[in-house]
């Protein structure tokens, strides 16, 4: 089973409730249940300075990134998200 979580992140953001929850939940689901978990972050600024994105990268957790500075509108972000899902679905079928 594939699961995709979506969250926001930005430089200097303290671990908010949802992001702190994801940092605990995602590794737990992978290690205890063997689920295929991926997380999509819509972020602003520089991804290297985003605390939750950094946590996921440091722990080798699968992530996808959408920069809200280059995809200003929700419509653009949704198109990117759907493209990611479509790409992942193609891998599943082969």
PDB file of N, CA and C in Angstrom:
ATOM      1  N   UNK A   1       0.845  -1.169   0.000  1.00  0.00           N
ATOM      2  CA  UNK A   1       0.000   0.000   0.000  1.00  0.00           C
ATOM      3  C   UNK A   1       0.891   1.233   0.000  1.00  0.00           C
ATOM      4  N   UNK A   2       0.566   2.174  -0.887  1.00  0.00           N
ATOM      5  CA  UNK A   2       1.287   3.450  -0.921  1.00  0.00           C
ATOM      6  C   UNK A   2       0.454   4.515  -0.231  1.00  0.00           C
ATOM      7  N   UNK A   3       1.136   5.324   0.558  1.00  0.00           N
ATOM      8  CA  UNK A   3       0.474   6.431   1.253  1.00  0.00           C
ATOM      9  C   UNK A   3       1.287   7.692   0.988  1.00  0.00           C
ATOM     10  N   UNK A   4       0.601   8.765   0.649  1.00  0.00           N
ATOM     11  CA  UNK A   4       1.253  10.057   0.426  1.00  0.00           C
ATOM     12  C   UNK A   4       0.685  11.070   1.407  1.00  0.00           C
ATOM     13  N   UNK A   5       1.541  11.574   2.277  1.00  0.00           N
ATOM     14  CA  UNK A   5       1.166  12.648   3.194  1.00  0.00           C
ATOM     15  C   UNK A   5       1.591  13.967   2.564  1.00  0.00           C
ATOM     16  N   UNK A   6       0.852  15.013   2.822  1.00  0.00           N
ATOM     17  CA  UNK A   6       1.197  16.352   2.316  1.00  0.00           C
ATOM     18  C   UNK A   6       1.295  17.315   3.501  1.00  0.00           C
ATOM     19  N   UNK A   7       2.303  18.201   3.433  1.00  0.00           N
ATOM     20  CA  UNK A   7       2.508  19.167   4.508  1.00  0.00           C
ATOM     21  C   UNK A   7       3.194  20.411   3.957  1.00  0.00           C
ATOM     22  N   UNK A   8       3.207  21.456   4.750  1.00  0.00           N
ATOM     23  CA  UNK A   8       3.892  22.702   4.415  1.00  0.00           C
ATOM     24  C   UNK A   8       5.146  22.825   5.269  1.00  0.00           C
ATOM     25  N   UNK A   9       6.143  23.513   4.733  1.00  0.00           N
ATOM     26  CA  UNK A   9       7.348  23.786   5.516  1.00  0.00           C
ATOM     27  C   UNK A   9       7.963  25.086   5.012  1.00  0.00           C
ATOM     28  N   UNK A  10       8.667  25.759   5.888  1.00  0.00           N
ATOM     29  CA  UNK A  10       9.373  26.985   5.506  1.00  0.00           C
ATOM     30  C   UNK A  10      10.542  27.192   6.450  1.00  0.00           C
ATOM     31  N   UNK A  11      11.566  27.925   6.002  1.00  0.00           N
ATOM     32  CA  UNK A  11      12.729  28.167   6.859  1.00  0.00           C
ATOM     33  C   UNK A  11      12.320  28.834   8.169  1.00  0.00           C
ATOM     34  N   UNK A  12      12.944  28.386   9.235  1.00  0.00           N
ATOM     35  CA  UNK A  12      12.688  28.992  10.540  1.00  0.00           C
ATOM     36  C   UNK A  12      11.414  28.540  11.213  1.00  0.00           C
ATOM     37  N   UNK A  13      10.649  27.680  10.575  1.00  0.00           N
ATOM     38  CA  UNK A  13       9.392  27.221  11.171  1.00  0.00           C
ATOM     39  C   UNK A  13       9.687  26.210  12.265  1.00  0.00           C
ATOM     40  N   UNK A  14       9.141  26.447  13.410  1.00  0.00           N
ATOM     41  CA  UNK A  14       9.266  25.478  14.490  1.00  0.00           C
ATOM     42  C   UNK A  14       8.408  24.277  14.122  1.00  0.00           C
ATOM     43  N   UNK A  15       8.744  23.122  14.630  1.00  0.00           N
ATOM     44  CA  UNK A  15       7.966  21.919  14.329  1.00  0.00           C
ATOM     45  C   UNK A  15       6.529  22.109  14.817  1.00  0.00           C
ATOM     46  N   UNK A  16       5.642  22.362  13.877  1.00  0.00           N
ATOM     47  CA  UNK A  16       4.235  22.541  14.217  1.00  0.00           C
ATOM     48  C   UNK A  16       3.632  21.176  14.527  1.00  0.00           C
ATOM     49  N   UNK A  17       2.417  21.159  15.012  1.00  0.00           N
ATOM     50  CA  UNK A  17       1.758  19.906  15.354  1.00  0.00           C
ATOM     51  C   UNK A  17       1.789  18.886  14.228  1.00  0.00           C
ATOM     52  N   UNK A  18       1.274  19.244  13.026  1.00  0.00           N
ATOM     53  CA  UNK A  18       1.272  18.264  11.933  1.00  0.00           C
ATOM     54  C   UNK A  18       2.679  17.810  11.520  1.00  0.00           C
ATOM     55  N   UNK A  19       3.626  18.725  11.469  1.00  0.00           N
ATOM     56  CA  UNK A  19       4.979  18.344  11.051  1.00  0.00           C
ATOM     57  C   UNK A  19       5.683  17.504  12.115  1.00  0.00           C
ATOM     58  N   UNK A  20       5.486  17.830  13.379  1.00  0.00           N
ATOM     59  CA  UNK A  20       6.063  17.016  14.448  1.00  0.00           C
ATOM     60  C   UNK A  20       5.439  15.620  14.429  1.00  0.00           C
ATOM     61  N   UNK A  21       4.154  15.555  14.169  1.00  0.00           N
ATOM     62  CA  UNK A  21       3.442  14.287  14.085  1.00  0.00           C
ATOM     63  C   UNK A  21       3.989  13.448  12.933  1.00  0.00           C
ATOM     64  N   UNK A  22       4.224  14.071  11.770  1.00  0.00           N
ATOM     65  CA  UNK A  22       4.763  13.343  10.614  1.00  0.00           C
ATOM     66  C   UNK A  22       6.158  12.788  10.894  1.00  0.00           C
ATOM     67  N   UNK A  23       6.957  13.540  11.634  1.00  0.00           N
ATOM     68  CA  UNK A  23       8.314  13.084  11.946  1.00  0.00           C
ATOM     69  C   UNK A  23       8.297  11.811  12.794  1.00  0.00           C
ATOM     70  N   UNK A  24       7.265  11.622  13.568  1.00  0.00           N
ATOM     71  CA  UNK A  24       7.151  10.403  14.379  1.00  0.00           C
ATOM     72  C   UNK A  24       6.376   9.311  13.645  1.00  0.00           C
ATOM     73  N   UNK A  25       5.294   9.698  12.967  1.00  0.00           N
ATOM     74  CA  UNK A  25       4.403   8.718  12.351  1.00  0.00           C
ATOM     75  C   UNK A  25       5.027   8.008  11.154  1.00  0.00           C
ATOM     76  N   UNK A  26       5.626   8.760  10.239  1.00  0.00           N
ATOM     77  CA  UNK A  26       6.143   8.163   9.005  1.00  0.00           C
ATOM     78  C   UNK A  26       7.194   7.086   9.287  1.00  0.00           C
ATOM     79  N   UNK A  27       8.242   7.374  10.080  1.00  0.00           N
ATOM     80  CA  UNK A  27       9.207   6.299  10.366  1.00  0.00           C
ATOM     81  C   UNK A  27       8.572   5.093  11.065  1.00  0.00           C
ATOM     82  N   UNK A  28       7.598   5.352  11.937  1.00  0.00           N
ATOM     83  CA  UNK A  28       6.926   4.268  12.646  1.00  0.00           C
ATOM     84  C   UNK A  28       6.142   3.384  11.676  1.00  0.00           C
ATOM     85  N   UNK A  29       5.417   3.976  10.746  1.00  0.00           N
ATOM     86  CA  UNK A  29       4.645   3.199   9.778  1.00  0.00           C
ATOM     87  C   UNK A  29       5.552   2.371   8.872  1.00  0.00           C
ATOM     88  N   UNK A  30       6.691   2.943   8.512  1.00  0.00           N
ATOM     89  CA  UNK A  30       7.630   2.219   7.651  1.00  0.00           C
ATOM     90  C   UNK A  30       8.268   1.053   8.401  1.00  0.00           C
ATOM     91  N   UNK A  31       8.790   1.321   9.595  1.00  0.00           N
ATOM     92  CA  UNK A  31       9.526   0.272  10.318  1.00  0.00           C
ATOM     93  C   UNK A  31       8.618  -0.793  10.915  1.00  0.00           C
ATOM     94  N   UNK A  32       7.444  -0.423  11.382  1.00  0.00           N
ATOM     95  CA  UNK A  32       6.579  -1.398  12.050  1.00  0.00           C
ATOM     96  C   UNK A  32       5.578  -2.088  11.135  1.00  0.00           C
ATOM     97  N   UNK A  33       5.252  -1.461  10.005  1.00  0.00           N
ATOM     98  CA  UNK A  33       4.220  -2.029   9.140  1.00  0.00           C
ATOM     99  C   UNK A  33       4.681  -2.233   7.700  1.00  0.00           C
ATOM    100  N   UNK A  34       5.894  -1.784   7.380  1.00  0.00           N
ATOM    101  CA  UNK A  34       6.442  -1.978   6.045  1.00  0.00           C
ATOM    102  C   UNK A  34       5.683  -1.262   4.944  1.00  0.00           C
ATOM    103  N   UNK A  35       5.003  -0.188   5.279  1.00  0.00           N
ATOM    104  CA  UNK A  35       4.224   0.549   4.285  1.00  0.00           C
ATOM    105  C   UNK A  35       5.122   1.424   3.419  1.00  0.00           C
ATOM    106  N   UNK A  36       4.704   1.661   2.197  1.00  0.00           N
ATOM    107  CA  UNK A  36       5.412   2.554   1.273  1.00  0.00           C
ATOM    108  C   UNK A  36       4.885   3.964   1.514  1.00  0.00           C
ATOM    109  N   UNK A  37       5.594   4.712   2.341  1.00  0.00           N
ATOM    110  CA  UNK A  37       5.172   6.054   2.739  1.00  0.00           C
ATOM    111  C   UNK A  37       6.023   7.080   2.016  1.00  0.00           C
ATOM    112  N   UNK A  38       5.359   8.078   1.448  1.00  0.00           N
ATOM    113  CA  UNK A  38       6.048   9.206   0.844  1.00  0.00           C
ATOM    114  C   UNK A  38       5.397  10.476   1.383  1.00  0.00           C
ATOM    115  N   UNK A  39       6.166  11.527   1.419  1.00  0.00           N
ATOM    116  CA  UNK A  39       5.643  12.797   1.918  1.00  0.00           C
ATOM    117  C   UNK A  39       5.935  13.884   0.905  1.00  0.00           C
ATOM    118  N   UNK A  40       4.947  14.699   0.652  1.00  0.00           N
ATOM    119  CA  UNK A  40       5.059  15.836  -0.249  1.00  0.00           C
ATOM    120  C   UNK A  40       5.062  17.098   0.594  1.00  0.00           C
ATOM    121  N   UNK A  41       6.066  17.931   0.374  1.00  0.00           N
ATOM    122  CA  UNK A  41       6.130  19.211   1.076  1.00  0.00           C
ATOM    123  C   UNK A  41       5.958  20.340   0.082  1.00  0.00           C
ATOM    124  N   UNK A  42       5.017  21.207   0.358  1.00  0.00           N
ATOM    125  CA  UNK A  42       4.922  22.484  -0.338  1.00  0.00           C
ATOM    126  C   UNK A  42       5.682  23.444   0.573  1.00  0.00           C
ATOM    127  N   UNK A  43       6.737  24.040   0.043  1.00  0.00           N
ATOM    128  CA  UNK A  43       7.597  24.856   0.898  1.00  0.00           C
ATOM    129  C   UNK A  43       7.860  26.206   0.248  1.00  0.00           C
ATOM    130  N   UNK A  44       8.304  27.121   1.070  1.00  0.00           N
ATOM    131  CA  UNK A  44       8.737  28.429   0.575  1.00  0.00           C
ATOM    132  C   UNK A  44      10.186  28.619   0.999  1.00  0.00           C
ATOM    133  N   UNK A  45      10.889  29.480   0.290  1.00  0.00           N
ATOM    134  CA  UNK A  45      12.281  29.730   0.634  1.00  0.00           C
ATOM    135  C   UNK A  45      13.199  28.653   0.097  1.00  0.00           C
ATOM    136  N   UNK A  46      14.244  28.355   0.843  1.00  0.00           N
ATOM    137  CA  UNK A  46      15.250  27.372   0.455  1.00  0.00           C
ATOM    138  C   UNK A  46      14.973  26.069   1.204  1.00  0.00           C
ATOM    139  N   UNK A  47      14.839  24.978   0.476  1.00  0.00           N
ATOM    140  CA  UNK A  47      14.458  23.704   1.112  1.00  0.00           C
ATOM    141  C   UNK A  47      15.478  23.252   2.159  1.00  0.00           C
ATOM    142  N   UNK A  48      16.765  23.556   1.957  1.00  0.00           N
ATOM    143  CA  UNK A  48      17.795  23.156   2.915  1.00  0.00           C
ATOM    144  C   UNK A  48      17.585  23.796   4.286  1.00  0.00           C
ATOM    145  N   UNK A  49      16.867  24.911   4.334  1.00  0.00           N
ATOM    146  CA  UNK A  49      16.647  25.621   5.593  1.00  0.00           C
ATOM    147  C   UNK A  49      15.292  25.281   6.230  1.00  0.00           C
ATOM    148  N   UNK A  50      14.538  24.387   5.594  1.00  0.00           N
ATOM    149  CA  UNK A  50      13.236  23.992   6.135  1.00  0.00           C
ATOM    150  C   UNK A  50      13.440  22.829   7.109  1.00  0.00           C
ATOM    151  N   UNK A  51      13.038  22.990   8.365  1.00  0.00           N
ATOM    152  CA  UNK A  51      13.374  21.990   9.373  1.00  0.00           C
ATOM    153  C   UNK A  51      12.772  20.604   9.144  1.00  0.00           C
ATOM    154  N   UNK A  52      11.546  20.521   8.729  1.00  0.00           N
ATOM    155  CA  UNK A  52      10.942  19.199   8.552  1.00  0.00           C
ATOM    156  C   UNK A  52      11.490  18.507   7.317  1.00  0.00           C
ATOM    157  N   UNK A  53      11.690  19.260   6.247  1.00  0.00           N
ATOM    158  CA  UNK A  53      12.311  18.696   5.046  1.00  0.00           C
ATOM    159  C   UNK A  53      13.705  18.183   5.388  1.00  0.00           C
ATOM    160  N   UNK A  54      14.449  18.960   6.144  1.00  0.00           N
ATOM    161  CA  UNK A  54      15.805  18.545   6.549  1.00  0.00           C
ATOM    162  C   UNK A  54      15.762  17.252   7.356  1.00  0.00           C
ATOM    163  N   UNK A  55      14.809  17.150   8.260  1.00  0.00           N
ATOM    164  CA  UNK A  55      14.662  15.931   9.061  1.00  0.00           C
ATOM    165  C   UNK A  55      14.427  14.721   8.159  1.00  0.00           C
ATOM    166  N   UNK A  56      13.517  14.870   7.204  1.00  0.00           N
ATOM    167  CA  UNK A  56      13.196  13.757   6.306  1.00  0.00           C
ATOM    168  C   UNK A  56      14.409  13.367   5.461  1.00  0.00           C
ATOM    169  N   UNK A  57      15.153  14.363   4.979  1.00  0.00           N
ATOM    170  CA  UNK A  57      16.348  14.061   4.180  1.00  0.00           C
ATOM    171  C   UNK A  57      17.413  13.370   5.025  1.00  0.00           C
ATOM    172  N   UNK A  58      17.636  13.863   6.231  1.00  0.00           N
ATOM    173  CA  UNK A  58      18.648  13.277   7.119  1.00  0.00           C
ATOM    174  C   UNK A  58      18.321  11.834   7.491  1.00  0.00           C
ATOM    175  N   UNK A  59      17.046  11.491   7.491  1.00  0.00           N
ATOM    176  CA  UNK A  59      16.618  10.144   7.861  1.00  0.00           C
ATOM    177  C   UNK A  59      16.252   9.294   6.644  1.00  0.00           C
ATOM    178  N   UNK A  60      16.651   9.751   5.468  1.00  0.00           N
ATOM    179  CA  UNK A  60      16.448   9.007   4.218  1.00  0.00           C
ATOM    180  C   UNK A  60      14.998   8.592   3.987  1.00  0.00           C
ATOM    181  N   UNK A  61      14.084   9.487   4.308  1.00  0.00           N
ATOM    182  CA  UNK A  61      12.666   9.239   4.075  1.00  0.00           C
ATOM    183  C   UNK A  61      12.277   9.843   2.721  1.00  0.00           C
ATOM    184  N   UNK A  62      11.452   9.128   1.975  1.00  0.00           N
ATOM    185  CA  UNK A  62      11.089   9.563   0.628  1.00  0.00           C
ATOM    186  C   UNK A  62      10.222  10.812   0.670  1.00  0.00           C
ATOM    187  N   UNK A  63      10.672  11.846  -0.053  1.00  0.00           N
ATOM    188  CA  UNK A  63       9.910  13.095  -0.111  1.00  0.00           C
ATOM    189  C   UNK A  63       9.819  13.589  -1.548  1.00  0.00           C
ATOM    190  N   UNK A  64       8.828  14.415  -1.765  1.00  0.00           N
ATOM    191  CA  UNK A  64       8.658  15.168  -3.003  1.00  0.00           C
ATOM    192  C   UNK A  64       8.516  16.627  -2.582  1.00  0.00           C
ATOM    193  N   UNK A  65       9.021  17.523  -3.409  1.00  0.00           N
ATOM    194  CA  UNK A  65       9.003  18.943  -3.056  1.00  0.00           C
ATOM    195  C   UNK A  65       8.309  19.770  -4.122  1.00  0.00           C
ATOM    196  N   UNK A  66       7.515  20.716  -3.668  1.00  0.00           N
ATOM    197  CA  UNK A  66       6.914  21.721  -4.541  1.00  0.00           C
ATOM    198  C   UNK A  66       7.223  23.074  -3.919  1.00  0.00           C
ATOM    199  N   UNK A  67       7.946  23.892  -4.650  1.00  0.00           N
ATOM    200  CA  UNK A  67       8.314  25.222  -4.153  1.00  0.00           C
ATOM    201  C   UNK A  67       7.171  26.191  -4.440  1.00  0.00           C
ATOM    202  N   UNK A  68       6.619  26.764  -3.393  1.00  0.00           N
ATOM    203  CA  UNK A  68       5.499  27.691  -3.566  1.00  0.00           C
ATOM    204  C   UNK A  68       5.933  29.024  -4.172  1.00  0.00           C
ATOM    205  N   UNK A  69       7.249  29.283  -4.205  1.00  0.00           N
ATOM    206  CA  UNK A  69       7.728  30.500  -4.849  1.00  0.00           C
ATOM    207  C   UNK A  69       7.690  30.371  -6.372  1.00  0.00           C
ATOM    208  N   UNK A  70       7.904  29.155  -6.876  1.00  0.00           N
ATOM    209  CA  UNK A  70       7.864  28.945  -8.329  1.00  0.00           C
ATOM    210  C   UNK A  70       6.500  28.438  -8.792  1.00  0.00           C
ATOM    211  N   UNK A  71       5.717  27.910  -7.870  1.00  0.00           N
ATOM    212  CA  UNK A  71       4.350  27.473  -8.147  1.00  0.00           C
ATOM    213  C   UNK A  71       3.440  28.280  -7.218  1.00  0.00           C
ATOM    214  N   UNK A  72       3.235  29.536  -7.594  1.00  0.00           N
ATOM    215  CA  UNK A  72       2.563  30.504  -6.713  1.00  0.00           C
ATOM    216  C   UNK A  72       1.110  30.169  -6.413  1.00  0.00           C
ATOM    217  N   UNK A  73       0.441  29.577  -7.376  1.00  0.00           N
ATOM    218  CA  UNK A  73      -1.002  29.381  -7.243  1.00  0.00           C
ATOM    219  C   UNK A  73      -1.318  27.944  -6.853  1.00  0.00           C
ATOM    220  N   UNK A  74      -2.381  27.800  -6.091  1.00  0.00           N
ATOM    221  CA  UNK A  74      -2.801  26.466  -5.656  1.00  0.00           C
ATOM    222  C   UNK A  74      -3.030  25.564  -6.870  1.00  0.00           C
ATOM    223  N   UNK A  75      -3.578  26.129  -7.935  1.00  0.00           N
ATOM    224  CA  UNK A  75      -3.826  25.344  -9.143  1.00  0.00           C
ATOM    225  C   UNK A  75      -2.522  24.737  -9.675  1.00  0.00           C
ATOM    226  N   UNK A  76      -1.439  25.519  -9.661  1.00  0.00           N
ATOM    227  CA  UNK A  76      -0.139  25.023 -10.113  1.00  0.00           C
ATOM    228  C   UNK A  76       0.388  23.934  -9.180  1.00  0.00           C
ATOM    229  N   UNK A  77       0.187  24.121  -7.890  1.00  0.00           N
ATOM    230  CA  UNK A  77       0.644  23.138  -6.908  1.00  0.00           C
ATOM    231  C   UNK A  77      -0.127  21.825  -7.056  1.00  0.00           C
ATOM    232  N   UNK A  78      -1.427  21.925  -7.321  1.00  0.00           N
ATOM    233  CA  UNK A  78      -2.240  20.725  -7.516  1.00  0.00           C
ATOM    234  C   UNK A  78      -1.802  19.987  -8.780  1.00  0.00           C
ATOM    235  N   UNK A  79      -1.494  20.716  -9.845  1.00  0.00           N
ATOM    236  CA  UNK A  79      -1.000  20.087 -11.073  1.00  0.00           C
ATOM    237  C   UNK A  79       0.295  19.327 -10.798  1.00  0.00           C
ATOM    238  N   UNK A  80       1.193  19.928 -10.027  1.00  0.00           N
ATOM    239  CA  UNK A  80       2.449  19.259  -9.665  1.00  0.00           C
ATOM    240  C   UNK A  80       2.174  18.009  -8.836  1.00  0.00           C
ATOM    241  N   UNK A  81       1.285  18.135  -7.863  1.00  0.00           N
ATOM    242  CA  UNK A  81       0.929  17.003  -7.020  1.00  0.00           C
ATOM    243  C   UNK A  81       0.359  15.861  -7.865  1.00  0.00           C
ATOM    244  N   UNK A  82      -0.542  16.171  -8.779  1.00  0.00           N
ATOM    245  CA  UNK A  82      -1.128  15.142  -9.638  1.00  0.00           C
ATOM    246  C   UNK A  82      -0.071  14.512 -10.542  1.00  0.00           C
ATOM    247  N   UNK A  83       0.892  15.311 -11.003  1.00  0.00           N
ATOM    248  CA  UNK A  83       1.989  14.779 -11.805  1.00  0.00           C
ATOM    249  C   UNK A  83       2.827  13.786 -11.015  1.00  0.00           C
ATOM    250  N   UNK A  84       3.070  14.078  -9.751  1.00  0.00           N
ATOM    251  CA  UNK A  84       3.831  13.176  -8.881  1.00  0.00           C
ATOM    252  C   UNK A  84       3.065  11.867  -8.695  1.00  0.00           C
ATOM    253  N   UNK A  85       1.768  11.970  -8.448  1.00  0.00           N
ATOM    254  CA  UNK A  85       0.951  10.767  -8.259  1.00  0.00           C
ATOM    255  C   UNK A  85       0.930   9.928  -9.534  1.00  0.00           C
ATOM    256  N   UNK A  86       0.777  10.582 -10.665  1.00  0.00           N
ATOM    257  CA  UNK A  86       0.746   9.871 -11.945  1.00  0.00           C
ATOM    258  C   UNK A  86       2.075   9.155 -12.191  1.00  0.00           C
ATOM    259  N   UNK A  87       3.182   9.836 -11.912  1.00  0.00           N
ATOM    260  CA  UNK A  87       4.508   9.251 -12.090  1.00  0.00           C
ATOM    261  C   UNK A  87       4.678   8.039 -11.176  1.00  0.00           C
ATOM    262  N   UNK A  88       4.285   8.153  -9.934  1.00  0.00           N
ATOM    263  CA  UNK A  88       4.397   7.044  -8.982  1.00  0.00           C
ATOM    264  C   UNK A  88       3.509   5.874  -9.397  1.00  0.00           C
ATOM    265  N   UNK A  89       2.341   6.165  -9.939  1.00  0.00           N
ATOM    266  CA  UNK A  89       1.433   5.125 -10.381  1.00  0.00           C
ATOM    267  C   UNK A  89       2.023   4.355 -11.558  1.00  0.00           C
ATOM    268  N   UNK A  90       2.729   5.060 -12.436  1.00  0.00           N
ATOM    269  CA  UNK A  90       3.388   4.399 -13.583  1.00  0.00           C
ATOM    270  C   UNK A  90       4.423   3.399 -13.107  1.00  0.00           C
ATOM    271  N   UNK A  91       5.188   3.757 -12.067  1.00  0.00           N
ATOM    272  CA  UNK A  91       6.205   2.852 -11.535  1.00  0.00           C
ATOM    273  C   UNK A  91       5.565   1.608 -10.950  1.00  0.00           C
ATOM    274  N   UNK A  92       4.408   1.774 -10.363  1.00  0.00           N
ATOM    275  CA  UNK A  92       3.713   0.659  -9.729  1.00  0.00           C
ATOM    276  C   UNK A  92       3.277  -0.384 -10.777  1.00  0.00           C
ATOM    277  N   UNK A  93       2.885   0.077 -11.957  1.00  0.00           N
ATOM    278  CA  UNK A  93       2.344  -0.817 -12.982  1.00  0.00           C
ATOM    279  C   UNK A  93       3.425  -1.582 -13.732  1.00  0.00           C
ATOM    280  N   UNK A  94       4.679  -1.112 -13.684  1.00  0.00           N
ATOM    281  CA  UNK A  94       5.733  -1.796 -14.431  1.00  0.00           C
ATOM    282  C   UNK A  94       6.488  -2.777 -13.589  1.00  0.00           C
TER     283      UNK A  94
END
